[in-house]
């Protein structure tokens, strides 16, 4: 099971590559006035011409999905740079959007000068440039020690608790070992919800509640969700079900599964 941090890092790298193609396209569509493109730049222009119109919509959609998971506090700003304000009274240099450009809306002529009222292409390009920088900032977060430190400390604590659960299992205290592993799993899922700013409606949610919330937010895939369902059932067997005793194999499965989730779901 691959860490979803690695998946997000791969997604960001791919989005950065697409964004760079769009940047090249935008920069070469406005050559320096009075000067011709060099042969190299002319070849690049031929290769990337129209990348903005061809690739932006998919780039934007995927970028929103990634930002929603990694830096949700920047998502609204990112989206505002694309969208047209529905209640705007006029289209001008401050209200023009990327959405306008892609929908074919262009700046009108100034009633006094007869020239274009503002540079619509430059407005769209500037807004995309800001979006691209937001995405780059999200990627840089993966390399920040400040981002990692809380998770490292939390992971270290969970490792100690799971080691204690394994010792209890070795000594034959099956229910106690399972209870400790269950607390680790529940605490980790609650931490993931907190990190992702996911509202948890229940005051005292269980593993199943947290698991369903994370699946609904597409934090995990179906196989991972099913694994956590299985672990939740084993935790209930250890904590609540007195009809039969858990087996050593079941408790071992709960401990190992909790360890795997704590190291791969963030």
C-alpha atoms as a PDB file:
ATOM      1  CA  UNK A   1       0.000   0.000   0.000  1.00  0.00           C
ATOM      2  CA  UNK A   2       1.716   3.197  -1.131  1.00  0.00           C
ATOM      3  CA  UNK A   3       1.725   6.247   1.152  1.00  0.00           C
ATOM      4  CA  UNK A   4      -0.744   8.841  -0.073  1.00  0.00           C
ATOM      5  CA  UNK A   5       1.903  11.470   0.657  1.00  0.00           C
ATOM      6  CA  UNK A   6       3.917   9.873  -2.139  1.00  0.00           C
ATOM      7  CA  UNK A   7       0.858   9.890  -4.384  1.00  0.00           C
ATOM      8  CA  UNK A   8       0.256  13.594  -3.765  1.00  0.00           C
ATOM      9  CA  UNK A   9       3.918  14.323  -4.398  1.00  0.00           C
ATOM     10  CA  UNK A  10       3.711  12.508  -7.749  1.00  0.00           C
ATOM     11  CA  UNK A  11       0.515  14.378  -8.639  1.00  0.00           C
ATOM     12  CA  UNK A  12       2.160  17.704  -7.862  1.00  0.00           C
ATOM     13  CA  UNK A  13       5.187  16.868  -9.985  1.00  0.00           C
ATOM     14  CA  UNK A  14       2.933  15.993 -12.925  1.00  0.00           C
ATOM     15  CA  UNK A  15       0.885  19.169 -12.477  1.00  0.00           C
ATOM     16  CA  UNK A  16       4.051  21.235 -12.307  1.00  0.00           C
ATOM     17  CA  UNK A  17       5.211  19.763 -15.639  1.00  0.00           C
ATOM     18  CA  UNK A  18       1.897  20.646 -17.295  1.00  0.00           C
ATOM     19  CA  UNK A  19       1.995  24.094 -15.718  1.00  0.00           C
ATOM     20  CA  UNK A  20       5.467  24.682 -17.105  1.00  0.00           C
ATOM     21  CA  UNK A  21       4.211  23.881 -20.619  1.00  0.00           C
ATOM     22  CA  UNK A  22       1.434  26.423 -20.183  1.00  0.00           C
ATOM     23  CA  UNK A  23       3.921  28.997 -18.890  1.00  0.00           C
ATOM     24  CA  UNK A  24       6.086  28.539 -21.983  1.00  0.00           C
ATOM     25  CA  UNK A  25       3.052  28.938 -24.226  1.00  0.00           C
ATOM     26  CA  UNK A  26       1.946  32.145 -22.492  1.00  0.00           C
ATOM     27  CA  UNK A  27       5.412  33.693 -22.483  1.00  0.00           C
ATOM     28  CA  UNK A  28       6.041  33.026 -26.192  1.00  0.00           C
ATOM     29  CA  UNK A  29       2.710  34.416 -27.322  1.00  0.00           C
ATOM     30  CA  UNK A  30       3.865  37.916 -26.419  1.00  0.00           C
ATOM     31  CA  UNK A  31       7.251  38.404 -28.123  1.00  0.00           C
ATOM     32  CA  UNK A  32       9.195  41.576 -27.470  1.00  0.00           C
ATOM     33  CA  UNK A  33       7.764  44.349 -29.630  1.00  0.00           C
ATOM     34  CA  UNK A  34       9.753  44.936 -32.788  1.00  0.00           C
ATOM     35  CA  UNK A  35      11.827  41.787 -32.399  1.00  0.00           C
ATOM     36  CA  UNK A  36      11.460  38.389 -34.003  1.00  0.00           C
ATOM     37  CA  UNK A  37      11.674  35.164 -32.096  1.00  0.00           C
ATOM     38  CA  UNK A  38      14.996  33.365 -32.224  1.00  0.00           C
ATOM     39  CA  UNK A  39      14.941  30.016 -34.055  1.00  0.00           C
ATOM     40  CA  UNK A  40      14.998  28.151 -30.733  1.00  0.00           C
ATOM     41  CA  UNK A  41      12.104  30.155 -29.290  1.00  0.00           C
ATOM     42  CA  UNK A  42      10.198  29.879 -32.556  1.00  0.00           C
ATOM     43  CA  UNK A  43      10.510  26.091 -32.368  1.00  0.00           C
ATOM     44  CA  UNK A  44       9.304  26.126 -28.753  1.00  0.00           C
ATOM     45  CA  UNK A  45       6.379  28.309 -29.746  1.00  0.00           C
ATOM     46  CA  UNK A  46       5.415  25.844 -32.458  1.00  0.00           C
ATOM     47  CA  UNK A  47       5.626  22.959 -29.973  1.00  0.00           C
ATOM     48  CA  UNK A  48       3.660  24.538 -27.108  1.00  0.00           C
ATOM     49  CA  UNK A  49       1.356  26.930 -28.948  1.00  0.00           C
ATOM     50  CA  UNK A  50      -2.182  26.682 -27.556  1.00  0.00           C
ATOM     51  CA  UNK A  51      -1.200  24.654 -24.476  1.00  0.00           C
ATOM     52  CA  UNK A  52      -3.083  27.115 -22.287  1.00  0.00           C
ATOM     53  CA  UNK A  53      -6.412  26.514 -24.004  1.00  0.00           C
ATOM     54  CA  UNK A  54      -5.818  22.765 -24.487  1.00  0.00           C
ATOM     55  CA  UNK A  55      -4.560  21.790 -21.067  1.00  0.00           C
ATOM     56  CA  UNK A  56      -5.727  24.373 -18.541  1.00  0.00           C
ATOM     57  CA  UNK A  57      -9.163  22.974 -17.663  1.00  0.00           C
ATOM     58  CA  UNK A  58      -7.850  19.529 -16.787  1.00  0.00           C
ATOM     59  CA  UNK A  59      -4.878  21.077 -14.962  1.00  0.00           C
ATOM     60  CA  UNK A  60      -7.183  23.306 -12.923  1.00  0.00           C
ATOM     61  CA  UNK A  61      -9.542  20.478 -11.970  1.00  0.00           C
ATOM     62  CA  UNK A  62      -6.731  18.167 -10.844  1.00  0.00           C
ATOM     63  CA  UNK A  63      -4.885  20.982  -9.070  1.00  0.00           C
ATOM     64  CA  UNK A  64      -8.016  21.833  -7.052  1.00  0.00           C
ATOM     65  CA  UNK A  65      -8.337  18.198  -5.960  1.00  0.00           C
ATOM     66  CA  UNK A  66      -4.714  18.083  -4.789  1.00  0.00           C
ATOM     67  CA  UNK A  67      -4.806  21.461  -3.031  1.00  0.00           C
ATOM     68  CA  UNK A  68      -8.003  20.439  -1.226  1.00  0.00           C
ATOM     69  CA  UNK A  69      -6.032  17.645   0.450  1.00  0.00           C
ATOM     70  CA  UNK A  70      -2.681  19.353   0.997  1.00  0.00           C
ATOM     71  CA  UNK A  71      -3.287  23.069   1.599  1.00  0.00           C
ATOM     72  CA  UNK A  72      -7.056  23.568   1.892  1.00  0.00           C
ATOM     73  CA  UNK A  73      -6.526  27.112   3.194  1.00  0.00           C
ATOM     74  CA  UNK A  74      -5.226  28.164  -0.261  1.00  0.00           C
ATOM     75  CA  UNK A  75      -7.970  26.485  -2.316  1.00  0.00           C
ATOM     76  CA  UNK A  76     -10.472  29.382  -2.262  1.00  0.00           C
ATOM     77  CA  UNK A  77      -7.784  31.824  -3.434  1.00  0.00           C
ATOM     78  CA  UNK A  78      -6.762  29.431  -6.201  1.00  0.00           C
ATOM     79  CA  UNK A  79     -10.358  29.080  -7.391  1.00  0.00           C
ATOM     80  CA  UNK A  80     -11.024  32.827  -7.273  1.00  0.00           C
ATOM     81  CA  UNK A  81      -8.200  33.388  -9.735  1.00  0.00           C
ATOM     82  CA  UNK A  82     -10.080  31.254 -12.262  1.00  0.00           C
ATOM     83  CA  UNK A  83     -13.706  32.202 -11.708  1.00  0.00           C
ATOM     84  CA  UNK A  84     -15.629  35.197 -12.992  1.00  0.00           C
ATOM     85  CA  UNK A  85     -17.509  37.108 -10.315  1.00  0.00           C
ATOM     86  CA  UNK A  86     -21.203  36.518 -11.133  1.00  0.00           C
ATOM     87  CA  UNK A  87     -22.318  39.824  -9.556  1.00  0.00           C
ATOM     88  CA  UNK A  88     -19.717  42.046 -11.213  1.00  0.00           C
ATOM     89  CA  UNK A  89     -21.106  45.179 -12.853  1.00  0.00           C
ATOM     90  CA  UNK A  90     -18.512  45.380 -15.609  1.00  0.00           C
ATOM     91  CA  UNK A  91     -15.618  43.505 -17.170  1.00  0.00           C
ATOM     92  CA  UNK A  92     -12.423  45.403 -16.519  1.00  0.00           C
ATOM     93  CA  UNK A  93      -8.800  44.856 -15.603  1.00  0.00           C
ATOM     94  CA  UNK A  94      -9.681  43.959 -11.982  1.00  0.00           C
ATOM     95  CA  UNK A  95     -12.662  41.679 -12.694  1.00  0.00           C
ATOM     96  CA  UNK A  96     -11.362  39.849 -15.777  1.00  0.00           C
ATOM     97  CA  UNK A  97     -10.675  36.149 -15.150  1.00  0.00           C
ATOM     98  CA  UNK A  98      -9.115  33.076 -16.688  1.00  0.00           C
ATOM     99  CA  UNK A  99     -12.629  31.733 -17.159  1.00  0.00           C
ATOM    100  CA  UNK A 100     -13.445  34.807 -19.277  1.00  0.00           C
ATOM    101  CA  UNK A 101     -10.482  34.191 -21.565  1.00  0.00           C
ATOM    102  CA  UNK A 102     -11.278  30.518 -22.047  1.00  0.00           C
ATOM    103  CA  UNK A 103     -14.932  31.383 -22.771  1.00  0.00           C
ATOM    104  CA  UNK A 104     -13.875  33.793 -25.496  1.00  0.00           C
ATOM    105  CA  UNK A 105     -14.765  36.985 -23.652  1.00  0.00           C
ATOM    106  CA  UNK A 106     -12.407  39.795 -24.683  1.00  0.00           C
ATOM    107  CA  UNK A 107     -11.881  43.355 -23.528  1.00  0.00           C
ATOM    108  CA  UNK A 108     -13.952  45.939 -25.338  1.00  0.00           C
ATOM    109  CA  UNK A 109     -12.693  49.203 -26.832  1.00  0.00           C
ATOM    110  CA  UNK A 110     -12.229  52.314 -24.737  1.00  0.00           C
ATOM    111  CA  UNK A 111     -14.940  54.833 -25.700  1.00  0.00           C
ATOM    112  CA  UNK A 112     -12.438  57.713 -25.644  1.00  0.00           C
ATOM    113  CA  UNK A 113      -9.333  56.284 -27.292  1.00  0.00           C
ATOM    114  CA  UNK A 114     -10.932  53.640 -29.503  1.00  0.00           C
ATOM    115  CA  UNK A 115      -8.238  51.211 -28.369  1.00  0.00           C
ATOM    116  CA  UNK A 116      -8.687  48.040 -26.324  1.00  0.00           C
ATOM    117  CA  UNK A 117      -9.672  49.037 -22.795  1.00  0.00           C
ATOM    118  CA  UNK A 118      -7.166  46.692 -21.145  1.00  0.00           C
ATOM    119  CA  UNK A 119      -4.828  43.820 -21.959  1.00  0.00           C
ATOM    120  CA  UNK A 120      -7.083  40.810 -21.396  1.00  0.00           C
ATOM    121  CA  UNK A 121      -4.410  38.270 -22.314  1.00  0.00           C
ATOM    122  CA  UNK A 122      -1.973  39.740 -19.788  1.00  0.00           C
ATOM    123  CA  UNK A 123      -4.677  39.585 -17.083  1.00  0.00           C
ATOM    124  CA  UNK A 124      -5.346  35.898 -17.732  1.00  0.00           C
ATOM    125  CA  UNK A 125      -1.624  35.094 -17.888  1.00  0.00           C
ATOM    126  CA  UNK A 126      -0.945  36.936 -14.623  1.00  0.00           C
ATOM    127  CA  UNK A 127      -3.724  35.060 -12.841  1.00  0.00           C
ATOM    128  CA  UNK A 128      -2.423  31.731 -14.087  1.00  0.00           C
ATOM    129  CA  UNK A 129       1.070  32.693 -12.918  1.00  0.00           C
ATOM    130  CA  UNK A 130      -0.287  33.245  -9.408  1.00  0.00           C
ATOM    131  CA  UNK A 131      -2.076  29.882  -9.490  1.00  0.00           C
ATOM    132  CA  UNK A 132       1.116  28.194 -10.600  1.00  0.00           C
ATOM    133  CA  UNK A 133       3.008  29.739  -7.684  1.00  0.00           C
ATOM    134  CA  UNK A 134       0.349  28.522  -5.218  1.00  0.00           C
ATOM    135  CA  UNK A 135       0.782  25.005  -6.582  1.00  0.00           C
ATOM    136  CA  UNK A 136       4.567  25.279  -6.308  1.00  0.00           C
ATOM    137  CA  UNK A 137       4.206  26.433  -2.700  1.00  0.00           C
ATOM    138  CA  UNK A 138       2.096  23.346  -1.966  1.00  0.00           C
ATOM    139  CA  UNK A 139       4.813  21.137  -3.412  1.00  0.00           C
ATOM    140  CA  UNK A 140       7.456  22.865  -1.312  1.00  0.00           C
ATOM    141  CA  UNK A 141       5.452  22.059   1.802  1.00  0.00           C
ATOM    142  CA  UNK A 142       6.389  18.409   1.419  1.00  0.00           C
ATOM    143  CA  UNK A 143       9.992  19.359   1.951  1.00  0.00           C
ATOM    144  CA  UNK A 144       9.324  21.521   5.015  1.00  0.00           C
ATOM    145  CA  UNK A 145      10.549  20.143   8.313  1.00  0.00           C
ATOM    146  CA  UNK A 146       7.764  22.101  10.017  1.00  0.00           C
ATOM    147  CA  UNK A 147       5.201  20.073   8.081  1.00  0.00           C
ATOM    148  CA  UNK A 148       6.852  16.796   8.972  1.00  0.00           C
ATOM    149  CA  UNK A 149       7.653  17.333  12.650  1.00  0.00           C
ATOM    150  CA  UNK A 150       4.149  16.798  14.044  1.00  0.00           C
ATOM    151  CA  UNK A 151       3.665  13.640  12.010  1.00  0.00           C
ATOM    152  CA  UNK A 152       7.092  12.316  12.993  1.00  0.00           C
ATOM    153  CA  UNK A 153       6.398  12.834  16.697  1.00  0.00           C
ATOM    154  CA  UNK A 154       2.922  11.316  16.384  1.00  0.00           C
ATOM    155  CA  UNK A 155       4.294   8.331  14.459  1.00  0.00           C
ATOM    156  CA  UNK A 156       6.955   7.787  17.136  1.00  0.00           C
ATOM    157  CA  UNK A 157       4.282   7.769  19.856  1.00  0.00           C
ATOM    158  CA  UNK A 158       2.141   5.306  17.924  1.00  0.00           C
ATOM    159  CA  UNK A 159       5.173   3.050  17.355  1.00  0.00           C
ATOM    160  CA  UNK A 160       5.770   2.846  21.122  1.00  0.00           C
ATOM    161  CA  UNK A 161       2.109   2.054  21.781  1.00  0.00           C
ATOM    162  CA  UNK A 162       2.037  -0.662  19.131  1.00  0.00           C
ATOM    163  CA  UNK A 163       5.231  -2.135  20.564  1.00  0.00           C
ATOM    164  CA  UNK A 164       3.429  -2.286  23.904  1.00  0.00           C
ATOM    165  CA  UNK A 165       0.497  -4.023  22.216  1.00  0.00           C
ATOM    166  CA  UNK A 166       2.853  -6.637  20.758  1.00  0.00           C
ATOM    167  CA  UNK A 167       4.348  -7.292  24.201  1.00  0.00           C
ATOM    168  CA  UNK A 168       0.859  -7.756  25.624  1.00  0.00           C
ATOM    169  CA  UNK A 169       0.093 -10.177  22.803  1.00  0.00           C
ATOM    170  CA  UNK A 170       3.238 -12.187  23.525  1.00  0.00           C
ATOM    171  CA  UNK A 171       2.237 -12.424  27.177  1.00  0.00           C
ATOM    172  CA  UNK A 172      -1.212 -13.707  26.247  1.00  0.00           C
ATOM    173  CA  UNK A 173      -3.226 -10.590  27.105  1.00  0.00           C
ATOM    174  CA  UNK A 174      -5.154 -10.668  23.842  1.00  0.00           C
ATOM    175  CA  UNK A 175      -7.998  -8.275  24.596  1.00  0.00           C
ATOM    176  CA  UNK A 176      -5.670  -5.706  26.151  1.00  0.00           C
ATOM    177  CA  UNK A 177      -3.324  -5.888  23.170  1.00  0.00           C
ATOM    178  CA  UNK A 178      -6.234  -5.411  20.771  1.00  0.00           C
ATOM    179  CA  UNK A 179      -7.613  -2.510  22.804  1.00  0.00           C
ATOM    180  CA  UNK A 180      -4.289  -0.652  22.654  1.00  0.00           C
ATOM    181  CA  UNK A 181      -3.995  -1.187  18.880  1.00  0.00           C
ATOM    182  CA  UNK A 182      -7.581   0.002  18.435  1.00  0.00           C
ATOM    183  CA  UNK A 183      -6.855   3.232  20.306  1.00  0.00           C
ATOM    184  CA  UNK A 184      -3.824   3.844  18.073  1.00  0.00           C
ATOM    185  CA  UNK A 185      -5.866   3.347  14.911  1.00  0.00           C
ATOM    186  CA  UNK A 186      -8.741   5.533  16.099  1.00  0.00           C
ATOM    187  CA  UNK A 187      -6.362   8.288  17.245  1.00  0.00           C
ATOM    188  CA  UNK A 188      -4.514   8.249  13.944  1.00  0.00           C
ATOM    189  CA  UNK A 189      -7.702   8.537  11.875  1.00  0.00           C
ATOM    190  CA  UNK A 190      -8.891  11.405  14.087  1.00  0.00           C
ATOM    191  CA  UNK A 191      -5.540  13.109  13.525  1.00  0.00           C
ATOM    192  CA  UNK A 192      -5.902  12.726   9.756  1.00  0.00           C
ATOM    193  CA  UNK A 193      -9.365  14.317   9.886  1.00  0.00           C
ATOM    194  CA  UNK A 194      -7.967  17.191  11.929  1.00  0.00           C
ATOM    195  CA  UNK A 195      -5.055  17.723   9.536  1.00  0.00           C
ATOM    196  CA  UNK A 196      -7.432  17.753   6.565  1.00  0.00           C
ATOM    197  CA  UNK A 197      -9.850  20.119   8.336  1.00  0.00           C
ATOM    198  CA  UNK A 198     -12.648  17.567   7.990  1.00  0.00           C
ATOM    199  CA  UNK A 199     -15.582  18.283  10.286  1.00  0.00           C
ATOM    200  CA  UNK A 200     -16.470  15.288  12.454  1.00  0.00           C
ATOM    201  CA  UNK A 201     -20.166  15.565  13.387  1.00  0.00           C
ATOM    202  CA  UNK A 202     -20.103  13.001  16.208  1.00  0.00           C
ATOM    203  CA  UNK A 203     -18.747  14.017  19.592  1.00  0.00           C
ATOM    204  CA  UNK A 204     -17.173  10.605  20.173  1.00  0.00           C
ATOM    205  CA  UNK A 205     -16.631   9.051  16.725  1.00  0.00           C
ATOM    206  CA  UNK A 206     -15.445   5.497  16.339  1.00  0.00           C
ATOM    207  CA  UNK A 207     -13.090   3.986  13.793  1.00  0.00           C
ATOM    208  CA  UNK A 208     -15.973   3.250  11.407  1.00  0.00           C
ATOM    209  CA  UNK A 209     -17.245   6.845  11.566  1.00  0.00           C
ATOM    210  CA  UNK A 210     -13.814   8.309  10.841  1.00  0.00           C
ATOM    211  CA  UNK A 211     -13.164   5.738   8.127  1.00  0.00           C
ATOM    212  CA  UNK A 212     -16.383   6.671   6.299  1.00  0.00           C
ATOM    213  CA  UNK A 213     -15.621  10.406   6.531  1.00  0.00           C
ATOM    214  CA  UNK A 214     -12.155   9.940   5.036  1.00  0.00           C
ATOM    215  CA  UNK A 215     -13.506   7.771   2.234  1.00  0.00           C
ATOM    216  CA  UNK A 216     -16.186  10.366   1.445  1.00  0.00           C
ATOM    217  CA  UNK A 217     -13.447  13.015   1.145  1.00  0.00           C
ATOM    218  CA  UNK A 218     -11.438  10.704  -1.146  1.00  0.00           C
ATOM    219  CA  UNK A 219      -8.517  10.593   1.276  1.00  0.00           C
ATOM    220  CA  UNK A 220      -8.296   6.839   0.811  1.00  0.00           C
ATOM    221  CA  UNK A 221      -9.225   4.274  -1.806  1.00  0.00           C
ATOM    222  CA  UNK A 222     -11.801   1.490  -1.425  1.00  0.00           C
ATOM    223  CA  UNK A 223      -9.301  -1.305  -0.544  1.00  0.00           C
ATOM    224  CA  UNK A 224      -7.883   0.831   2.285  1.00  0.00           C
ATOM    225  CA  UNK A 225     -11.387   1.663   3.503  1.00  0.00           C
ATOM    226  CA  UNK A 226     -12.269  -2.054   3.547  1.00  0.00           C
ATOM    227  CA  UNK A 227      -9.093  -2.882   5.453  1.00  0.00           C
ATOM    228  CA  UNK A 228      -9.974  -0.325   8.121  1.00  0.00           C
ATOM    229  CA  UNK A 229     -13.516  -1.750   8.294  1.00  0.00           C
ATOM    230  CA  UNK A 230     -11.978  -5.145   9.026  1.00  0.00           C
ATOM    231  CA  UNK A 231      -9.704  -3.650  11.701  1.00  0.00           C
ATOM    232  CA  UNK A 232     -12.691  -1.865  13.280  1.00  0.00           C
ATOM    233  CA  UNK A 233     -14.505  -5.213  13.546  1.00  0.00           C
ATOM    234  CA  UNK A 234     -11.468  -6.777  15.232  1.00  0.00           C
ATOM    235  CA  UNK A 235     -11.201  -3.840  17.637  1.00  0.00           C
ATOM    236  CA  UNK A 236     -14.875  -4.296  18.581  1.00  0.00           C
ATOM    237  CA  UNK A 237     -14.250  -7.998  19.137  1.00  0.00           C
ATOM    238  CA  UNK A 238     -11.479  -7.140  21.584  1.00  0.00           C
ATOM    239  CA  UNK A 239     -13.313  -4.315  23.369  1.00  0.00           C
ATOM    240  CA  UNK A 240     -16.992  -5.177  23.330  1.00  0.00           C
ATOM    241  CA  UNK A 241     -17.903  -8.613  21.996  1.00  0.00           C
ATOM    242  CA  UNK A 242     -17.922 -11.028  24.935  1.00  0.00           C
ATOM    243  CA  UNK A 243     -19.523 -13.908  23.037  1.00  0.00           C
ATOM    244  CA  UNK A 244     -16.115 -15.294  22.168  1.00  0.00           C
ATOM    245  CA  UNK A 245     -12.468 -14.539  22.755  1.00  0.00           C
ATOM    246  CA  UNK A 246     -10.350 -13.026  19.963  1.00  0.00           C
ATOM    247  CA  UNK A 247      -7.676 -15.324  18.600  1.00  0.00           C
ATOM    248  CA  UNK A 248      -3.984 -14.566  18.705  1.00  0.00           C
ATOM    249  CA  UNK A 249      -4.007 -14.315  14.889  1.00  0.00           C
ATOM    250  CA  UNK A 250      -6.853 -11.782  14.909  1.00  0.00           C
ATOM    251  CA  UNK A 251      -5.138  -9.544  17.437  1.00  0.00           C
ATOM    252  CA  UNK A 252      -1.894  -9.802  15.479  1.00  0.00           C
ATOM    253  CA  UNK A 253      -3.794  -8.774  12.351  1.00  0.00           C
ATOM    254  CA  UNK A 254      -5.244  -5.767  14.197  1.00  0.00           C
ATOM    255  CA  UNK A 255      -1.821  -4.637  15.423  1.00  0.00           C
ATOM    256  CA  UNK A 256      -0.115  -5.050  12.056  1.00  0.00           C
ATOM    257  CA  UNK A 257      -3.012  -3.433  10.207  1.00  0.00           C
ATOM    258  CA  UNK A 258      -3.044  -0.434  12.543  1.00  0.00           C
ATOM    259  CA  UNK A 259       0.691  -0.058  12.034  1.00  0.00           C
ATOM    260  CA  UNK A 260       0.248  -0.108   8.247  1.00  0.00           C
ATOM    261  CA  UNK A 261      -2.543   2.507   8.279  1.00  0.00           C
ATOM    262  CA  UNK A 262      -0.586   4.804  10.595  1.00  0.00           C
ATOM    263  CA  UNK A 263       2.328   4.742   8.154  1.00  0.00           C
ATOM    264  CA  UNK A 264       0.425   5.103   4.872  1.00  0.00           C
ATOM    265  CA  UNK A 265      -2.674   7.248   5.450  1.00  0.00           C
ATOM    266  CA  UNK A 266      -1.999  10.901   6.210  1.00  0.00           C
END
